PDB file of N, CA and C in Angstrom:
ATOM      1  N   MET A   1     169.006 143.970 145.373  1.00  0.00           N
ATOM      2  CA  MET A   1     168.294 143.689 145.821  1.00  0.00           C
ATOM      3  C   MET A   1     167.449 144.453 147.137  1.00  0.00           C
ATOM      4  N   PRO A   2     166.171 144.218 146.775  1.00  0.00           N
ATOM      5  CA  PRO A   2     165.100 145.173 147.994  1.00  0.00           C
ATOM      6  C   PRO A   2     165.619 144.780 149.505  1.00  0.00           C
ATOM      7  N   ASN A   3     165.397 145.701 150.347  1.00  0.00           N
ATOM      8  CA  ASN A   3     165.709 145.071 151.645  1.00  0.00           C
ATOM      9  C   ASN A   3     164.526 144.690 152.364  1.00  0.00           C
ATOM     10  N   PHE A   4     164.301 143.126 152.428  1.00  0.00           N
ATOM     11  CA  PHE A   4     163.329 142.684 153.106  1.00  0.00           C
ATOM     12  C   PHE A   4     162.928 142.778 154.447  1.00  0.00           C
ATOM     13  N   GLY A   5     164.053 143.174 155.202  1.00  0.00           N
ATOM     14  CA  GLY A   5     163.993 143.528 156.686  1.00  0.00           C
ATOM     15  C   GLY A   5     164.448 142.456 157.715  1.00  0.00           C
ATOM     16  N   HIS A   6     164.728 141.045 156.979  1.00  0.00           N
ATOM     17  CA  HIS A   6     165.409 140.181 157.421  1.00  0.00           C
ATOM     18  C   HIS A   6     166.604 139.795 156.848  1.00  0.00           C
ATOM     19  N   TYR A   7     167.595 140.346 157.667  1.00  0.00           N
ATOM     20  CA  TYR A   7     169.047 140.327 156.921  1.00  0.00           C
ATOM     21  C   TYR A   7     169.571 138.952 156.828  1.00  0.00           C
ATOM     22  N   ASN A   8     169.307 138.009 157.958  1.00  0.00           N
ATOM     23  CA  ASN A   8     169.729 136.663 157.465  1.00  0.00           C
ATOM     24  C   ASN A   8     169.062 136.103 156.417  1.00  0.00           C
ATOM     25  N   VAL A   9     167.864 136.087 156.134  1.00  0.00           N
ATOM     26  CA  VAL A   9     167.114 135.343 155.042  1.00  0.00           C
ATOM     27  C   VAL A   9     167.598 136.073 153.638  1.00  0.00           C
ATOM     28  N   THR A  10     167.946 137.215 153.638  1.00  0.00           N
ATOM     29  CA  THR A  10     168.434 138.112 152.625  1.00  0.00           C
ATOM     30  C   THR A  10     169.556 137.679 152.173  1.00  0.00           C
ATOM     31  N   ASP A  11     170.626 137.616 153.125  1.00  0.00           N
ATOM     32  CA  ASP A  11     172.035 137.078 152.937  1.00  0.00           C
ATOM     33  C   ASP A  11     171.886 135.742 152.290  1.00  0.00           C
ATOM     34  N   ARG A  12     170.992 135.058 153.223  1.00  0.00           N
ATOM     35  CA  ARG A  12     171.265 133.448 152.520  1.00  0.00           C
ATOM     36  C   ARG A  12     170.756 133.194 151.130  1.00  0.00           C
ATOM     37  N   LEU A  13     170.043 134.293 150.742  1.00  0.00           N
ATOM     38  CA  LEU A  13     169.240 134.039 149.199  1.00  0.00           C
ATOM     39  C   LEU A  13     170.090 134.722 148.561  1.00  0.00           C
ATOM     40  N   ALA A  14     171.213 135.677 148.823  1.00  0.00           N
ATOM     41  CA  ALA A  14     171.897 136.313 147.717  1.00  0.00           C
ATOM     42  C   ALA A  14     173.146 135.352 147.829  1.00  0.00           C
ATOM     43  N   TRP A  15     173.682 134.717 148.873  1.00  0.00           N
ATOM     44  CA  TRP A  15     174.527 133.644 148.632  1.00  0.00           C
ATOM     45  C   TRP A  15     174.481 132.437 147.830  1.00  0.00           C
ATOM     46  N   GLN A  16     172.926 131.979 147.788  1.00  0.00           N
ATOM     47  CA  GLN A  16     172.495 131.068 147.122  1.00  0.00           C
ATOM     48  C   GLN A  16     172.543 131.536 145.172  1.00  0.00           C
ATOM     49  N   LEU A  17     172.384 132.740 145.560  1.00  0.00           N
ATOM     50  CA  LEU A  17     172.120 133.271 144.116  1.00  0.00           C
ATOM     51  C   LEU A  17     173.717 133.364 143.588  1.00  0.00           C
ATOM     52  N   LEU A  18     174.731 133.678 144.346  1.00  0.00           N
ATOM     53  CA  LEU A  18     175.885 134.056 143.932  1.00  0.00           C
ATOM     54  C   LEU A  18     176.556 132.586 143.371  1.00  0.00           C
ATOM     55  N   ALA A  19     176.100 131.753 144.096  1.00  0.00           N
ATOM     56  CA  ALA A  19     176.690 130.163 144.180  1.00  0.00           C
ATOM     57  C   ALA A  19     176.197 129.775 142.817  1.00  0.00           C
ATOM     58  N   LEU A  20     175.107 130.338 142.214  1.00  0.00           N
ATOM     59  CA  LEU A  20     174.727 129.639 140.798  1.00  0.00           C
ATOM     60  C   LEU A  20     175.220 130.703 139.494  1.00  0.00           C
ATOM     61  N   ILE A  21     175.987 131.606 139.870  1.00  0.00           N
ATOM     62  CA  ILE A  21     176.855 132.222 138.946  1.00  0.00           C
ATOM     63  C   ILE A  21     178.129 131.634 138.466  1.00  0.00           C
ATOM     64  N   HIS A  22     178.353 131.330 137.201  1.00  0.00           N
ATOM     65  CA  HIS A  22     179.629 131.030 136.629  1.00  0.00           C
ATOM     66  C   HIS A  22     179.901 131.559 135.050  1.00  0.00           C
ATOM     67  N   ASP A  23     180.763 131.978 134.741  1.00  0.00           N
ATOM     68  CA  ASP A  23     181.232 132.494 133.655  1.00  0.00           C
ATOM     69  C   ASP A  23     180.139 133.397 133.043  1.00  0.00           C
ATOM     70  N   ASP A  24     179.917 134.492 133.642  1.00  0.00           N
ATOM     71  CA  ASP A  24     178.815 135.433 133.015  1.00  0.00           C
ATOM     72  C   ASP A  24     177.414 134.688 132.980  1.00  0.00           C
ATOM     73  N   PHE A  25     177.005 133.494 133.524  1.00  0.00           N
ATOM     74  CA  PHE A  25     175.763 133.110 133.407  1.00  0.00           C
ATOM     75  C   PHE A  25     174.995 132.539 134.435  1.00  0.00           C
ATOM     76  N   LEU A  26     173.728 132.742 134.565  1.00  0.00           N
ATOM     77  CA  LEU A  26     172.956 132.455 135.932  1.00  0.00           C
ATOM     78  C   LEU A  26     172.750 130.952 135.826  1.00  0.00           C
ATOM     79  N   TRP A  27     173.188 129.676 136.296  1.00  0.00           N
ATOM     80  CA  TRP A  27     172.638 128.426 136.099  1.00  0.00           C
ATOM     81  C   TRP A  27     171.432 127.816 136.846  1.00  0.00           C
ATOM     82  N   ILE A  28     170.487 127.925 136.620  1.00  0.00           N
ATOM     83  CA  ILE A  28     169.305 127.495 137.131  1.00  0.00           C
ATOM     84  C   ILE A  28     168.479 126.634 136.213  1.00  0.00           C
ATOM     85  N   GLN A  29     168.753 125.515 136.040  1.00  0.00           N
ATOM     86  CA  GLN A  29     168.426 124.093 135.488  1.00  0.00           C
ATOM     87  C   GLN A  29     168.928 124.206 133.847  1.00  0.00           C
ATOM     88  N   ASP A  30     169.028 125.622 133.636  1.00  0.00           N
ATOM     89  CA  ASP A  30     169.574 125.990 132.152  1.00  0.00           C
ATOM     90  C   ASP A  30     170.558 127.323 132.636  1.00  0.00           C
ATOM     91  N   LYS A  31     171.169 127.668 131.474  1.00  0.00           N
ATOM     92  CA  LYS A  31     171.987 128.796 131.827  1.00  0.00           C
ATOM     93  C   LYS A  31     171.256 129.985 131.041  1.00  0.00           C
ATOM     94  N   PHE A  32     171.188 131.094 132.221  1.00  0.00           N
ATOM     95  CA  PHE A  32     170.630 132.267 131.776  1.00  0.00           C
ATOM     96  C   PHE A  32     171.889 133.552 131.572  1.00  0.00           C
ATOM     97  N   PRO A  33     171.842 134.185 130.283  1.00  0.00           N
ATOM     98  CA  PRO A  33     172.845 135.346 130.348  1.00  0.00           C
ATOM     99  C   PRO A  33     172.426 136.300 131.558  1.00  0.00           C
ATOM    100  N   ILE A  34     173.437 137.109 132.098  1.00  0.00           N
ATOM    101  CA  ILE A  34     173.408 137.806 133.186  1.00  0.00           C
ATOM    102  C   ILE A  34     173.507 139.306 132.182  1.00  0.00           C
ATOM    103  N   ASP A  35     172.038 139.906 131.726  1.00  0.00           N
ATOM    104  CA  ASP A  35     172.279 140.863 131.286  1.00  0.00           C
ATOM    105  C   ASP A  35     171.415 141.936 131.986  1.00  0.00           C
ATOM    106  N   VAL A  36     171.018 143.239 130.768  1.00  0.00           N
ATOM    107  CA  VAL A  36     170.386 144.280 131.373  1.00  0.00           C
ATOM    108  C   VAL A  36     168.908 143.863 131.998  1.00  0.00           C
ATOM    109  N   ALA A  37     168.514 143.301 130.796  1.00  0.00           N
ATOM    110  CA  ALA A  37     166.851 142.629 131.319  1.00  0.00           C
ATOM    111  C   ALA A  37     166.985 141.571 132.605  1.00  0.00           C
ATOM    112  N   LEU A  38     167.629 140.709 132.903  1.00  0.00           N
ATOM    113  CA  LEU A  38     167.680 140.022 133.766  1.00  0.00           C
ATOM    114  C   LEU A  38     168.028 140.899 134.819  1.00  0.00           C
ATOM    115  N   ILE A  39     169.056 141.763 135.080  1.00  0.00           N
ATOM    116  CA  ILE A  39     169.187 142.652 136.040  1.00  0.00           C
ATOM    117  C   ILE A  39     168.046 143.215 136.553  1.00  0.00           C
ATOM    118  N   HIS A  40     167.184 143.670 135.368  1.00  0.00           N
ATOM    119  CA  HIS A  40     165.981 144.855 135.642  1.00  0.00           C
ATOM    120  C   HIS A  40     164.859 143.983 136.345  1.00  0.00           C
ATOM    121  N   ARG A  41     164.337 142.788 135.894  1.00  0.00           N
ATOM    122  CA  ARG A  41     163.731 142.067 136.307  1.00  0.00           C
ATOM    123  C   ARG A  41     164.182 141.549 137.923  1.00  0.00           C
ATOM    124  N   ILE A  42     165.243 141.412 138.591  1.00  0.00           N
ATOM    125  CA  ILE A  42     165.525 140.833 139.472  1.00  0.00           C
ATOM    126  C   ILE A  42     165.688 141.922 140.840  1.00  0.00           C
ATOM    127  N   THR A  43     165.685 143.290 140.158  1.00  0.00           N
ATOM    128  CA  THR A  43     165.937 144.317 141.192  1.00  0.00           C
ATOM    129  C   THR A  43     165.329 145.534 140.683  1.00  0.00           C
ATOM    130  N   GLY A  44     164.408 145.589 139.836  1.00  0.00           N
ATOM    131  CA  GLY A  44     163.616 146.548 139.329  1.00  0.00           C
ATOM    132  C   GLY A  44     164.113 147.913 138.997  1.00  0.00           C
ATOM    133  N   LEU A  45     165.395 147.904 138.649  1.00  0.00           N
ATOM    134  CA  LEU A  45     166.477 148.911 138.109  1.00  0.00           C
ATOM    135  C   LEU A  45     166.014 149.318 136.873  1.00  0.00           C
ATOM    136  N   PRO A  46     165.934 150.598 136.406  1.00  0.00           N
ATOM    137  CA  PRO A  46     165.508 150.718 134.933  1.00  0.00           C
ATOM    138  C   PRO A  46     166.677 150.256 134.303  1.00  0.00           C
ATOM    139  N   MET A  47     166.145 150.256 133.116  1.00  0.00           N
ATOM    140  CA  MET A  47     167.058 149.518 132.220  1.00  0.00           C
ATOM    141  C   MET A  47     167.685 150.434 131.047  1.00  0.00           C
ATOM    142  N   GLN A  48     167.173 151.916 131.384  1.00  0.00           N
ATOM    143  CA  GLN A  48     168.233 152.961 130.698  1.00  0.00           C
ATOM    144  C   GLN A  48     168.715 153.942 131.729  1.00  0.00           C
ATOM    145  N   GLY A  49     169.396 154.831 131.258  1.00  0.00           N
ATOM    146  CA  GLY A  49     170.122 155.659 132.145  1.00  0.00           C
ATOM    147  C   GLY A  49     171.697 155.859 132.033  1.00  0.00           C
ATOM    148  N   PRO A  50     171.900 156.803 133.049  1.00  0.00           N
ATOM    149  CA  PRO A  50     173.241 156.809 133.017  1.00  0.00           C
ATOM    150  C   PRO A  50     174.030 155.571 133.492  1.00  0.00           C
ATOM    151  N   HIS A  51     175.277 155.444 133.037  1.00  0.00           N
ATOM    152  CA  HIS A  51     176.105 154.510 133.393  1.00  0.00           C
ATOM    153  C   HIS A  51     176.244 154.445 134.859  1.00  0.00           C
ATOM    154  N   PRO A  52     176.161 153.477 135.774  1.00  0.00           N
ATOM    155  CA  PRO A  52     176.488 153.716 137.140  1.00  0.00           C
ATOM    156  C   PRO A  52     178.028 154.332 137.626  1.00  0.00           C
ATOM    157  N   MET A  53     178.852 154.007 137.157  1.00  0.00           N
ATOM    158  CA  MET A  53     179.898 153.969 137.299  1.00  0.00           C
ATOM    159  C   MET A  53     180.404 155.475 137.036  1.00  0.00           C
ATOM    160  N   GLU A  54     179.511 156.454 136.053  1.00  0.00           N
ATOM    161  CA  GLU A  54     179.618 157.830 135.911  1.00  0.00           C
ATOM    162  C   GLU A  54     179.894 158.569 136.927  1.00  0.00           C
ATOM    163  N   ASN A  55     179.150 158.460 137.796  1.00  0.00           N
ATOM    164  CA  ASN A  55     179.085 159.209 139.126  1.00  0.00           C
ATOM    165  C   ASN A  55     179.641 158.683 140.324  1.00  0.00           C
ATOM    166  N   VAL A  56     180.814 158.383 140.082  1.00  0.00           N
ATOM    167  CA  VAL A  56     181.576 157.621 141.211  1.00  0.00           C
ATOM    168  C   VAL A  56     182.966 158.265 141.743  1.00  0.00           C
ATOM    169  N   GLY A  57     183.244 158.471 142.808  1.00  0.00           N
ATOM    170  CA  GLY A  57     184.285 159.111 143.629  1.00  0.00           C
ATOM    171  C   GLY A  57     184.188 160.103 144.369  1.00  0.00           C
ATOM    172  N   LYS A  58     185.127 160.150 145.371  1.00  0.00           N
ATOM    173  CA  LYS A  58     185.275 161.192 146.219  1.00  0.00           C
ATOM    174  C   LYS A  58     184.549 162.703 145.710  1.00  0.00           C
ATOM    175  N   LYS A  59     185.115 163.351 144.790  1.00  0.00           N
ATOM    176  CA  LYS A  59     184.695 164.626 144.146  1.00  0.00           C
ATOM    177  C   LYS A  59     183.095 164.608 144.089  1.00  0.00           C
ATOM    178  N   TYR A  60     182.469 163.420 143.489  1.00  0.00           N
ATOM    179  CA  TYR A  60     181.167 163.560 143.297  1.00  0.00           C
ATOM    180  C   TYR A  60     180.217 163.127 144.487  1.00  0.00           C
ATOM    181  N   GLU A  61     180.894 162.429 145.742  1.00  0.00           N
ATOM    182  CA  GLU A  61     180.212 162.074 146.805  1.00  0.00           C
ATOM    183  C   GLU A  61     180.335 163.166 147.461  1.00  0.00           C
ATOM    184  N   GLY A  62     181.231 164.102 147.518  1.00  0.00           N
ATOM    185  CA  GLY A  62     181.477 165.307 148.414  1.00  0.00           C
ATOM    186  C   GLY A  62     180.575 166.382 148.048  1.00  0.00           C
ATOM    187  N   GLU A  63     180.357 166.502 146.746  1.00  0.00           N
ATOM    188  CA  GLU A  63     179.610 167.447 146.104  1.00  0.00           C
ATOM    189  C   GLU A  63     177.837 167.058 146.410  1.00  0.00           C
ATOM    190  N   THR A  64     177.380 165.556 146.467  1.00  0.00           N
ATOM    191  CA  THR A  64     176.196 165.267 146.228  1.00  0.00           C
ATOM    192  C   THR A  64     175.820 165.708 147.899  1.00  0.00           C
ATOM    193  N   ALA A  65     177.115 165.243 148.993  1.00  0.00           N
ATOM    194  CA  ALA A  65     176.771 165.210 150.564  1.00  0.00           C
ATOM    195  C   ALA A  65     176.333 166.832 150.789  1.00  0.00           C
ATOM    196  N   THR A  66     177.021 167.696 150.037  1.00  0.00           N
ATOM    197  CA  THR A  66     177.216 169.375 149.887  1.00  0.00           C
ATOM    198  C   THR A  66     175.613 169.529 149.649  1.00  0.00           C
ATOM    199  N   GLN A  67     175.196 168.934 148.300  1.00  0.00           N
ATOM    200  CA  GLN A  67     174.086 169.681 147.855  1.00  0.00           C
ATOM    201  C   GLN A  67     173.109 169.064 148.679  1.00  0.00           C
ATOM    202  N   VAL A  68     173.071 167.756 149.220  1.00  0.00           N
ATOM    203  CA  VAL A  68     172.087 167.481 150.221  1.00  0.00           C
ATOM    204  C   VAL A  68     171.593 168.180 151.713  1.00  0.00           C
ATOM    205  N   CYS A  69     173.220 168.756 152.004  1.00  0.00           N
ATOM    206  CA  CYS A  69     172.890 169.391 153.244  1.00  0.00           C
ATOM    207  C   CYS A  69     172.301 170.538 152.979  1.00  0.00           C
ATOM    208  N   GLU A  70     172.637 171.459 151.928  1.00  0.00           N
ATOM    209  CA  GLU A  70     171.993 172.639 151.642  1.00  0.00           C
ATOM    210  C   GLU A  70     170.563 172.656 151.423  1.00  0.00           C
ATOM    211  N   ALA A  71     170.400 171.332 150.874  1.00  0.00           N
ATOM    212  CA  ALA A  71     168.719 171.368 150.354  1.00  0.00           C
ATOM    213  C   ALA A  71     167.917 171.050 151.563  1.00  0.00           C
ATOM    214  N   TYR A  72     168.321 170.377 152.681  1.00  0.00           N
ATOM    215  CA  TYR A  72     167.799 169.797 153.725  1.00  0.00           C
ATOM    216  C   TYR A  72     167.965 170.811 155.090  1.00  0.00           C
ATOM    217  N   HIS A  73     168.703 171.935 154.748  1.00  0.00           N
ATOM    218  CA  HIS A  73     169.050 172.775 155.740  1.00  0.00           C
ATOM    219  C   HIS A  73     169.883 172.185 156.794  1.00  0.00           C
ATOM    220  N   VAL A  74     170.685 171.243 156.473  1.00  0.00           N
ATOM    221  CA  VAL A  74     171.308 170.358 157.767  1.00  0.00           C
ATOM    222  C   VAL A  74     172.492 171.352 158.229  1.00  0.00           C
ATOM    223  N   LYS A  75     172.722 171.211 159.423  1.00  0.00           N
ATOM    224  CA  LYS A  75     173.545 172.485 160.192  1.00  0.00           C
ATOM    225  C   LYS A  75     174.588 171.284 161.011  1.00  0.00           C
ATOM    226  N   LYS A  76     175.834 171.463 161.217  1.00  0.00           N
ATOM    227  CA  LYS A  76     176.584 170.936 161.624  1.00  0.00           C
ATOM    228  C   LYS A  76     177.657 171.283 162.847  1.00  0.00           C
ATOM    229  N   ASN A  77     177.828 170.512 163.816  1.00  0.00           N
ATOM    230  CA  ASN A  77     178.631 171.017 165.322  1.00  0.00           C
ATOM    231  C   ASN A  77     179.850 170.825 164.933  1.00  0.00           C
ATOM    232  N   LYS A  78     180.748 170.729 165.808  1.00  0.00           N
ATOM    233  CA  LYS A  78     182.281 170.036 165.959  1.00  0.00           C
ATOM    234  C   LYS A  78     182.591 169.199 165.208  1.00  0.00           C
ATOM    235  N   ARG A  79     181.516 167.977 165.672  1.00  0.00           N
ATOM    236  CA  ARG A  79     182.070 166.858 165.389  1.00  0.00           C
ATOM    237  C   ARG A  79     180.915 166.005 164.430  1.00  0.00           C
ATOM    238  N   ASP A  80     179.851 166.508 164.620  1.00  0.00           N
ATOM    239  CA  ASP A  80     178.931 165.911 163.913  1.00  0.00           C
ATOM    240  C   ASP A  80     177.392 166.753 163.132  1.00  0.00           C
ATOM    241  N   PHE A  81     176.779 166.270 162.544  1.00  0.00           N
ATOM    242  CA  PHE A  81     175.306 166.763 162.125  1.00  0.00           C
ATOM    243  C   PHE A  81     174.594 167.161 163.427  1.00  0.00           C
ATOM    244  N   ILE A  82     173.761 168.017 163.434  1.00  0.00           N
ATOM    245  CA  ILE A  82     172.486 168.391 164.172  1.00  0.00           C
ATOM    246  C   ILE A  82     171.286 167.706 163.475  1.00  0.00           C
ATOM    247  N   ILE A  83     170.734 166.641 164.036  1.00  0.00           N
ATOM    248  CA  ILE A  83     169.510 166.133 163.523  1.00  0.00           C
ATOM    249  C   ILE A  83     168.425 166.731 163.675  1.00  0.00           C
ATOM    250  N   GLU A  84     168.068 167.550 164.884  1.00  0.00           N
ATOM    251  CA  GLU A  84     166.961 168.652 164.936  1.00  0.00           C
ATOM    252  C   GLU A  84     167.130 169.707 163.776  1.00  0.00           C
ATOM    253  N   SER A  85     168.145 169.876 163.345  1.00  0.00           N
ATOM    254  CA  SER A  85     168.320 171.027 162.048  1.00  0.00           C
ATOM    255  C   SER A  85     167.669 170.460 160.825  1.00  0.00           C
ATOM    256  N   ILE A  86     167.550 169.296 160.676  1.00  0.00           N
ATOM    257  CA  ILE A  86     167.150 168.722 159.046  1.00  0.00           C
ATOM    258  C   ILE A  86     165.753 168.684 158.885  1.00  0.00           C
ATOM    259  N   SER A  87     165.461 169.570 157.861  1.00  0.00           N
ATOM    260  CA  SER A  87     163.799 170.043 157.532  1.00  0.00           C
ATOM    261  C   SER A  87     163.424 168.804 156.584  1.00  0.00           C
ATOM    262  N   ASP A  88     162.021 168.452 156.959  1.00  0.00           N
ATOM    263  CA  ASP A  88     161.230 167.591 156.084  1.00  0.00           C
ATOM    264  C   ASP A  88     161.484 167.385 154.669  1.00  0.00           C
ATOM    265  N   SER A  89     161.499 168.651 154.330  1.00  0.00           N
ATOM    266  CA  SER A  89     161.482 168.719 152.417  1.00  0.00           C
ATOM    267  C   SER A  89     162.620 169.705 151.993  1.00  0.00           C
ATOM    268  N   ALA A  90     163.351 169.117 150.694  1.00  0.00           N
ATOM    269  CA  ALA A  90     164.086 170.034 150.179  1.00  0.00           C
ATOM    270  C   ALA A  90     163.652 170.960 149.761  1.00  0.00           C
ATOM    271  N   THR A  91     164.539 172.273 149.619  1.00  0.00           N
ATOM    272  CA  THR A  91     163.937 173.761 148.912  1.00  0.00           C
ATOM    273  C   THR A  91     164.645 173.646 147.880  1.00  0.00           C
TER     274      THR A  91
END
């Protein structure tokens, strides 16, 4: 769900939608199957691509964090990252 910048409004909308989901269907007057096409229409996510669970886990997240830090020249001190060291573009 896109971030609309109105936390309470977005939460309320999500709660209302979740309350309408039963047995893998979204019930709004009639039942609508929850499938890739419906998720695409609601979220704008692509309908094709890698399965979202393929790149999950501590190993992948650690590799991704390392790649991002290297690409944006992020430096770290003893406890945290040095914000001023981050470059505007990846190289």
